[in-house]
Amino acid sequence: MKRTTTAAALAGAFSLGGIPGVAQSGSSGEVDLYAQVHAGLNHFSYEDSSEVTRLTDQGRSRLGVAGRQPLDGEWAAIGQLEWAVGPHLGEDDFSRRISYVGVDGPYGEVAVGAVHAAYKTLGGVRWDPLVTTELQQRRTGGMSGGSFGHNDFVDRAVQYVSPELAGWQLHAQIGTEDDNQDRTDNEDADQAMQQGDVILGVDYTGLPDWQFVAAVMHLDEPFTDVDEDGDTNWKVGARWSPDDFSLAYQYESVEIISGPAGAGRIDNLDDDATNRVGGGEGRFSDAVNHHALIGTYEQGRNTWVLALGHADADGDDEDVTSVTGALVHRPHADFRVYAGVQHQAFDDEIGQVGDAEDDYLTTYAIGARYDFGATF
């Protein structure tokens, strides 16, 4: 698409005037403006609570701009800004998601800022076609939540991604700051990586139809005000995807059950503002092992999804098991609608407060998502 005066004005509005591809006429740099809008209508049927119907977004709606400017040789300057938005659901939500600057070249990519955690994007959410809906695997048993799990981002990080070599690709992220303060689990907790914090991951795609991943998240200091909190999460996974089928499995060992963005939480059971059903504690008290098994079948424009999730908690009677089935229909590559159901079973210590019996939650969901944008 040819860059117009309006496009240049939009790029300026996104504070990218300092990127050569935006500020200089005739440059070979590119700017991508993009957005996603999602809305889901969900009915929660909980054993020990009134049934509830809610419109939710799960953080999927966003607005962003990304730039790439070729430099000398094979190098390029890169940058991205992205915000979460939710005004279509009546929410006053406009907050930063991604913000980084860096370079990309023949020896890999280096970026500094707020980025997706490699722990999150290797396998994990990339293998779940229902991610950011109420039918997803994270925070429902199959995968961890939290900024140091499969949620949100890591701030003030330095990131390196290697070139692919014989099917292998390495990912590394480290913290740089040291505020000389203990890491505590309070309302001021953020996603900042500190000196000594490190995320390492590897991705292997050298075999036909297969992908293998492994990742580790290590904190230099655990949360000091939580007795059972550890300092390391790690995971391994594999995905087999011949033709129209795919089958993915991920195992995860989680010690970091504190921190922001839903760490150690089961959605819709947590007794705070995120609880859309009510009546439960919904937090693990100790380390937990997550298992996620996700199968898909492509049938024309339809994707059938069947997923099994299980959280095997070290805490007494805190296990969670989920079964999810859904259909995703794509009338266009940029537009999809979905419908599905997820049934969760909770051990008594993580379900209804004061209830000595195991509990369940069944979620019925329909929704739509539209992705759009342009390159200038």
Protein backbone atom coordinates (compact mmCIF):
# COMPACT_ATOMS: atom_id res chain seq x y z
CA MET A 1 0.00 0.00 0.00
CA LYS A 2 1.37 3.41 -0.93
CA ARG A 3 1.98 5.63 2.08
CA THR A 4 -0.35 8.62 2.04
CA THR A 5 -0.41 11.88 3.97
CA THR A 6 -3.03 10.37 6.27
CA ALA A 7 -0.84 7.35 6.89
CA ALA A 8 2.10 9.57 7.72
CA ALA A 9 -0.06 11.53 10.14
CA LEU A 10 -1.19 8.33 11.81
CA ALA A 11 2.40 7.17 12.16
CA GLY A 12 3.28 10.51 13.72
CA ALA A 13 0.41 10.15 16.15
CA PHE A 14 1.96 6.88 17.30
CA SER A 15 5.20 8.73 18.19
CA LEU A 16 7.31 7.04 15.52
CA GLY A 17 8.68 10.24 14.00
CA GLY A 18 12.16 9.22 15.12
CA ILE A 19 12.11 6.05 13.02
CA PRO A 20 13.67 6.81 9.64
CA GLY A 21 11.10 4.78 7.73
CA VAL A 22 8.38 7.11 8.99
CA ALA A 23 10.09 10.45 9.12
CA GLN A 24 11.96 10.42 5.80
CA SER A 25 10.14 10.47 2.50
CA GLY A 26 11.33 7.88 0.01
CA SER A 27 12.94 5.62 2.60
CA SER A 28 12.71 1.87 2.12
CA GLY A 29 11.58 1.37 5.72
CA GLU A 30 8.17 -0.10 6.51
CA VAL A 31 5.54 0.71 9.13
CA ASP A 32 2.73 -1.70 10.01
CA LEU A 33 -0.44 -0.43 11.66
CA TYR A 34 -2.54 -3.27 13.01
CA ALA A 35 -5.40 -4.05 15.37
CA GLN A 36 -7.42 -6.94 16.73
CA VAL A 37 -10.93 -6.75 18.17
CA HIS A 38 -12.46 -9.63 20.12
CA ALA A 39 -15.69 -10.06 22.05
CA GLY A 40 -17.01 -13.23 23.67
CA LEU A 41 -20.38 -14.00 25.20
CA ASN A 42 -19.94 -16.54 28.01
CA HIS A 43 -22.30 -18.40 30.30
CA PHE A 44 -20.76 -19.73 33.53
CA SER A 45 -22.58 -22.57 35.27
CA TYR A 46 -20.99 -23.18 38.67
CA GLU A 47 -22.09 -25.90 41.05
CA ASP A 48 -22.23 -23.66 44.14
CA SER A 49 -23.08 -20.26 42.69
CA SER A 50 -25.74 -18.55 40.63
CA GLU A 51 -25.30 -18.90 36.90
CA VAL A 52 -23.71 -15.84 35.31
CA THR A 53 -23.57 -14.51 31.74
CA ARG A 54 -20.83 -12.06 30.77
CA LEU A 55 -19.29 -10.36 27.74
CA THR A 56 -15.52 -10.65 28.05
CA ASP A 57 -12.44 -9.90 26.00
CA GLN A 58 -9.62 -11.69 27.90
CA GLY A 59 -7.14 -9.05 26.74
CA ARG A 60 -7.30 -9.96 23.04
CA SER A 61 -8.33 -6.53 21.67
CA ARG A 62 -5.27 -4.44 20.86
CA LEU A 63 -3.86 -1.68 18.71
CA GLY A 64 -0.26 -1.51 17.56
CA VAL A 65 2.38 -0.14 15.26
CA ALA A 66 5.65 -1.77 14.23
CA GLY A 67 8.56 -0.39 12.20
CA ARG A 68 11.50 -1.89 10.34
CA GLN A 69 14.24 0.22 8.76
CA PRO A 70 17.03 -1.41 6.70
CA LEU A 71 20.52 -0.30 7.70
CA ASP A 72 23.92 -1.05 6.18
CA GLY A 73 24.49 -4.59 5.01
CA GLU A 74 21.96 -7.13 6.27
CA TRP A 75 21.06 -5.17 9.41
CA ALA A 76 17.76 -3.48 10.22
CA ALA A 77 16.44 -1.33 13.04
CA ILE A 78 13.20 -2.66 14.58
CA GLY A 79 10.64 -1.27 17.01
CA GLN A 80 7.11 -1.96 18.17
CA LEU A 81 4.47 -0.31 20.36
CA GLU A 82 1.23 -2.08 21.29
CA TRP A 83 -1.67 -1.17 23.57
CA ALA A 84 -4.58 -3.14 25.02
CA VAL A 85 -7.98 -1.64 24.25
CA GLY A 86 -11.48 -2.61 25.37
CA PRO A 87 -13.92 0.27 24.71
CA HIS A 88 -16.30 -1.94 22.74
CA LEU A 89 -17.17 -3.69 26.02
CA GLY A 90 -17.67 -0.42 27.90
CA GLU A 91 -14.25 -0.66 29.55
CA ASP A 92 -11.97 2.32 30.01
CA ASP A 93 -8.94 0.26 29.04
CA PHE A 94 -5.97 1.67 27.13
CA SER A 95 -2.73 0.26 28.51
CA ARG A 96 0.70 -0.62 27.16
CA ARG A 97 1.41 -4.21 26.15
CA ILE A 98 4.63 -4.15 24.10
CA SER A 99 7.31 -1.48 23.78
CA TYR A 100 10.79 -2.27 22.46
CA VAL A 101 13.56 -1.07 20.18
CA GLY A 102 16.34 -3.17 18.70
CA VAL A 103 18.30 -4.44 15.72
CA ASP A 104 17.95 -7.53 13.55
CA GLY A 105 20.81 -8.95 11.52
CA PRO A 106 22.65 -12.03 10.28
CA TYR A 107 23.67 -12.98 13.82
CA GLY A 108 20.21 -12.68 15.35
CA GLU A 109 17.90 -10.14 16.92
CA VAL A 110 18.56 -7.98 19.98
CA ALA A 111 15.75 -5.93 21.55
CA VAL A 112 15.35 -3.93 24.75
CA GLY A 113 12.08 -3.07 26.51
CA ALA A 114 8.79 -4.80 27.27
CA VAL A 115 8.49 -8.03 25.29
CA HIS A 116 6.59 -11.31 25.27
CA ALA A 117 8.31 -13.76 27.57
CA ALA A 118 9.97 -16.52 25.56
CA TYR A 119 8.63 -18.93 28.20
CA LYS A 120 5.12 -17.91 27.11
CA THR A 121 5.53 -17.99 23.33
CA LEU A 122 7.57 -21.18 22.87
CA GLY A 123 4.77 -23.72 22.49
CA GLY A 124 2.29 -22.64 25.15
CA VAL A 125 -0.14 -20.03 23.92
CA ARG A 126 1.02 -20.48 20.31
CA TRP A 127 -0.32 -24.03 20.35
CA ASP A 128 -3.73 -23.13 21.80
CA PRO A 129 -6.19 -21.91 19.12
CA LEU A 130 -8.55 -20.78 21.91
CA VAL A 131 -6.05 -18.57 23.73
CA THR A 132 -7.48 -15.27 25.06
CA THR A 133 -10.97 -16.76 25.20
CA GLU A 134 -12.69 -18.22 28.27
CA LEU A 135 -11.98 -21.66 26.75
CA GLN A 136 -8.18 -21.30 26.86
CA GLN A 137 -5.72 -23.59 28.65
CA ARG A 138 -3.83 -21.02 30.73
CA ARG A 139 -5.28 -20.33 34.17
CA THR A 140 -7.84 -23.12 33.68
CA GLY A 141 -5.59 -26.06 34.60
CA GLY A 142 -3.55 -26.85 31.50
CA MET A 143 -1.03 -23.99 31.66
CA SER A 144 0.26 -21.52 34.22
CA GLY A 145 -0.69 -17.86 34.30
CA GLY A 146 1.25 -14.85 35.49
CA SER A 147 3.96 -12.68 34.01
CA PHE A 148 6.48 -15.42 34.73
CA GLY A 149 4.25 -18.07 33.16
CA HIS A 150 1.95 -17.80 30.12
CA ASN A 151 0.55 -14.31 30.68
CA ASP A 152 1.47 -10.77 29.99
CA PHE A 153 5.01 -9.58 29.33
CA VAL A 154 8.40 -9.06 30.94
CA ASP A 155 9.45 -5.43 31.34
CA ARG A 156 12.89 -3.85 31.17
CA ALA A 157 14.36 -6.93 29.54
CA VAL A 158 17.17 -7.50 27.06
CA GLN A 159 16.20 -10.11 24.49
CA TYR A 160 18.28 -12.14 22.04
CA VAL A 161 16.85 -14.49 19.38
CA SER A 162 19.34 -16.44 17.31
CA PRO A 163 19.08 -17.19 13.59
CA GLU A 164 17.69 -20.63 12.81
CA LEU A 165 20.52 -23.14 12.33
CA ALA A 166 19.78 -26.70 11.22
CA GLY A 167 16.27 -26.40 12.67
CA TRP A 168 17.43 -24.97 16.03
CA GLN A 169 16.65 -21.51 17.36
CA LEU A 170 17.71 -20.13 20.75
CA HIS A 171 15.91 -17.50 22.85
CA ALA A 172 17.35 -15.61 25.81
CA GLN A 173 16.01 -12.76 27.98
CA ILE A 174 17.77 -11.20 30.97
CA GLY A 175 16.96 -8.52 33.53
CA THR A 176 19.12 -5.42 33.86
CA GLU A 177 17.86 -3.38 36.82
CA ASP A 178 18.64 -3.68 40.53
CA ASP A 179 16.46 -1.58 42.85
CA ASN A 180 17.99 -3.15 45.99
CA GLN A 181 14.48 -4.03 47.19
CA ASP A 182 12.99 -7.41 48.04
CA ARG A 183 10.57 -8.85 45.51
CA THR A 184 7.18 -8.89 47.25
CA ASP A 185 3.73 -10.04 46.16
CA ASN A 186 1.72 -6.86 46.73
CA GLU A 187 -0.38 -4.50 44.67
CA ASP A 188 2.74 -2.77 43.39
CA ALA A 189 4.21 -5.95 41.93
CA ASP A 190 5.12 -5.55 38.28
CA GLN A 191 6.62 -7.59 35.49
CA ALA A 192 10.09 -6.04 35.65
CA MET A 193 12.99 -8.44 35.28
CA GLN A 194 15.77 -7.76 37.76
CA GLN A 195 19.49 -8.42 37.60
CA GLY A 196 20.02 -12.16 37.75
CA ASP A 197 16.60 -13.03 36.29
CA VAL A 198 16.88 -15.08 33.13
CA ILE A 199 14.65 -16.84 30.59
CA LEU A 200 16.18 -19.41 28.25
CA GLY A 201 14.41 -21.35 25.54
CA VAL A 202 15.03 -23.52 22.50
CA ASP A 203 12.85 -24.36 19.52
CA TYR A 204 13.58 -27.27 17.15
CA THR A 205 11.75 -27.71 13.81
CA GLY A 206 14.27 -29.86 11.94
CA LEU A 207 11.98 -32.90 11.54
CA PRO A 208 9.04 -32.91 9.10
CA ASP A 209 5.70 -32.19 10.84
CA TRP A 210 7.31 -31.84 14.29
CA GLN A 211 8.15 -28.99 16.64
CA PHE A 212 9.92 -29.41 19.98
CA VAL A 213 10.30 -26.70 22.63
CA ALA A 214 11.92 -26.32 26.03
CA ALA A 215 12.11 -23.25 28.26
CA VAL A 216 13.13 -22.23 31.76
CA MET A 217 12.29 -19.11 33.78
CA HIS A 218 14.56 -18.39 36.75
CA LEU A 219 14.27 -15.51 39.22
CA ASP A 220 17.38 -14.38 41.04
CA GLU A 221 15.22 -13.82 44.14
CA PRO A 222 11.81 -15.42 44.78
CA PHE A 223 8.93 -13.49 46.32
CA THR A 224 10.06 -13.01 49.92
CA ASP A 225 6.61 -12.69 51.49
CA VAL A 226 5.29 -16.06 50.24
CA ASP A 227 6.56 -19.08 52.18
CA GLU A 228 5.98 -21.69 49.49
CA ASP A 229 7.11 -19.65 46.48
CA GLY A 230 10.09 -20.90 44.50
CA ASP A 231 12.34 -19.29 41.92
CA THR A 232 12.10 -21.49 38.81
CA ASN A 233 9.53 -22.57 36.22
CA TRP A 234 10.42 -24.93 33.39
CA LYS A 235 8.60 -26.74 30.63
CA VAL A 236 9.00 -29.08 27.64
CA GLY A 237 6.62 -29.79 24.80
CA ALA A 238 6.14 -31.33 21.36
CA ARG A 239 3.68 -30.73 18.52
CA TRP A 240 2.97 -33.09 15.62
CA SER A 241 1.07 -31.54 12.71
CA PRO A 242 0.75 -33.72 9.59
CA ASP A 243 -1.66 -32.39 6.94
CA ASP A 244 -4.96 -31.33 8.55
CA PHE A 245 -4.29 -32.74 12.03
CA SER A 246 -2.24 -31.49 14.94
CA LEU A 247 -1.55 -32.89 18.38
CA ALA A 248 0.43 -30.96 21.00
CA TYR A 249 1.49 -31.84 24.53
CA GLN A 250 3.21 -29.59 27.06
CA TYR A 251 4.46 -30.43 30.54
CA GLU A 252 5.22 -27.62 32.95
CA SER A 253 6.77 -27.52 36.44
CA VAL A 254 5.82 -24.30 38.23
CA GLU A 255 7.33 -23.02 41.47
CA ILE A 256 6.59 -19.29 40.94
CA ILE A 257 2.99 -19.06 42.11
CA SER A 258 3.07 -15.38 43.08
CA GLY A 259 3.33 -12.14 41.14
CA PRO A 260 1.21 -10.17 38.67
CA ALA A 261 -1.08 -11.18 35.79
CA GLY A 262 -2.71 -14.24 37.33
CA ALA A 263 0.19 -16.22 38.74
CA GLY A 264 -1.05 -19.30 40.63
CA ARG A 265 -4.66 -18.50 39.75
CA ILE A 266 -7.58 -20.43 38.31
CA ASP A 267 -9.89 -18.09 36.38
CA ASN A 268 -13.42 -17.46 37.65
CA LEU A 269 -12.63 -18.96 41.05
CA ASP A 270 -10.33 -16.26 42.39
CA ASP A 271 -12.09 -14.14 45.01
CA ASP A 272 -11.16 -10.72 43.58
CA ALA A 273 -12.18 -8.39 40.79
CA THR A 274 -11.31 -10.96 38.13
CA ASN A 275 -13.86 -13.43 39.52
CA ARG A 276 -16.77 -13.54 37.08
CA VAL A 277 -18.59 -16.33 38.93
CA GLY A 278 -17.89 -16.08 42.65
CA GLY A 279 -17.57 -18.36 45.61
CA GLY A 280 -14.06 -19.76 45.37
CA GLU A 281 -10.50 -19.16 46.45
CA GLY A 282 -8.95 -20.39 43.23
CA ARG A 283 -5.24 -20.02 44.10
CA PHE A 284 -2.62 -22.70 44.45
CA SER A 285 -0.82 -22.70 47.80
CA ASP A 286 2.30 -24.52 46.58
CA ALA A 287 4.11 -25.68 43.44
CA VAL A 288 2.06 -27.26 40.66
CA ASN A 289 2.68 -29.35 37.54
CA HIS A 290 0.57 -28.54 34.48
CA HIS A 291 -0.30 -30.88 31.62
CA ALA A 292 -1.91 -29.64 28.38
CA LEU A 293 -2.94 -31.91 25.51
CA ILE A 294 -4.43 -30.07 22.50
CA GLY A 295 -5.71 -31.65 19.32
CA THR A 296 -7.04 -29.90 16.20
CA TYR A 297 -8.55 -30.97 12.89
CA GLU A 298 -8.81 -28.61 9.90
CA GLN A 299 -11.91 -29.14 7.79
CA GLY A 300 -12.10 -26.49 5.10
CA ARG A 301 -12.68 -23.19 6.91
CA ASN A 302 -13.44 -24.97 10.18
CA THR A 303 -11.03 -25.96 12.94
CA TRP A 304 -12.27 -28.52 15.46
CA VAL A 305 -10.53 -28.33 18.84
CA LEU A 306 -10.36 -30.87 21.67
CA ALA A 307 -8.17 -30.10 24.68
CA LEU A 308 -7.44 -31.75 28.03
CA GLY A 309 -5.79 -29.86 30.87
CA HIS A 310 -4.68 -30.98 34.32
CA ALA A 311 -3.01 -29.17 37.21
CA ASP A 312 -1.34 -31.60 39.60
CA ALA A 313 -0.82 -29.44 42.69
CA ASP A 314 1.56 -30.11 45.56
CA GLY A 315 -0.97 -28.52 47.90
CA ASP A 316 -3.46 -30.96 49.40
CA ASP A 317 -6.70 -31.37 47.38
CA GLU A 318 -5.93 -28.55 44.92
CA ASP A 319 -5.93 -30.43 41.60
CA VAL A 320 -7.85 -29.06 38.61
CA THR A 321 -8.92 -30.97 35.49
CA SER A 322 -10.52 -29.47 32.37
CA VAL A 323 -12.00 -30.82 29.14
CA THR A 324 -12.63 -28.40 26.27
CA GLY A 325 -14.35 -28.81 22.91
CA ALA A 326 -14.86 -26.05 20.35
CA LEU A 327 -15.35 -25.14 16.71
CA VAL A 328 -13.56 -22.18 15.12
CA HIS A 329 -14.94 -21.01 11.75
CA ARG A 330 -12.94 -18.64 9.49
CA PRO A 331 -14.99 -17.15 6.63
CA HIS A 332 -11.88 -15.03 5.97
CA ALA A 333 -8.24 -15.35 7.03
CA ASP A 334 -8.64 -12.20 9.17
CA PHE A 335 -12.05 -12.98 10.71
CA ARG A 336 -13.18 -15.87 12.87
CA VAL A 337 -16.12 -16.92 15.00
CA TYR A 338 -16.05 -19.67 17.60
CA ALA A 339 -18.32 -21.67 19.87
CA GLY A 340 -17.44 -24.19 22.53
CA VAL A 341 -17.73 -25.56 26.02
CA GLN A 342 -15.24 -26.19 28.82
CA HIS A 343 -15.91 -28.35 31.86
CA GLN A 344 -13.63 -27.99 34.89
CA ALA A 345 -13.50 -30.18 38.00
CA PHE A 346 -11.85 -28.84 41.17
CA ASP A 347 -10.63 -30.61 44.28
CA ASP A 348 -12.36 -29.33 47.39
CA GLU A 349 -9.51 -27.09 48.63
CA ILE A 350 -9.50 -24.96 45.49
CA GLY A 351 -13.22 -24.89 44.83
CA GLN A 352 -16.09 -23.42 46.86
CA VAL A 353 -15.08 -21.88 50.20
CA GLY A 354 -16.39 -23.96 53.09
CA ASP A 355 -17.43 -26.83 50.83
CA ALA A 356 -15.79 -30.18 51.61
CA GLU A 357 -16.81 -31.71 48.28
CA ASP A 358 -15.23 -31.46 44.84
CA ASP A 359 -16.77 -28.78 42.61
CA TYR A 360 -17.22 -28.06 38.94
CA LEU A 361 -17.62 -25.15 36.54
CA THR A 362 -19.00 -25.43 33.01
CA THR A 363 -18.39 -22.52 30.64
CA TYR A 364 -20.32 -22.08 27.39
CA ALA A 365 -18.75 -19.55 25.02
CA ILE A 366 -19.36 -17.95 21.63
CA GLY A 367 -17.38 -15.08 20.19
CA ALA A 368 -15.83 -13.32 17.22
CA ARG A 369 -12.43 -11.80 16.40
CA TYR A 370 -11.34 -9.52 13.59
CA ASP A 371 -7.70 -8.77 12.70
CA PHE A 372 -6.94 -5.83 10.42
CA GLY A 373 -4.14 -3.51 9.46
CA ALA A 374 -1.98 -2.11 6.68
CA THR A 375 1.68 -1.76 5.73
CA PHE A 376 3.00 1.62 4.60
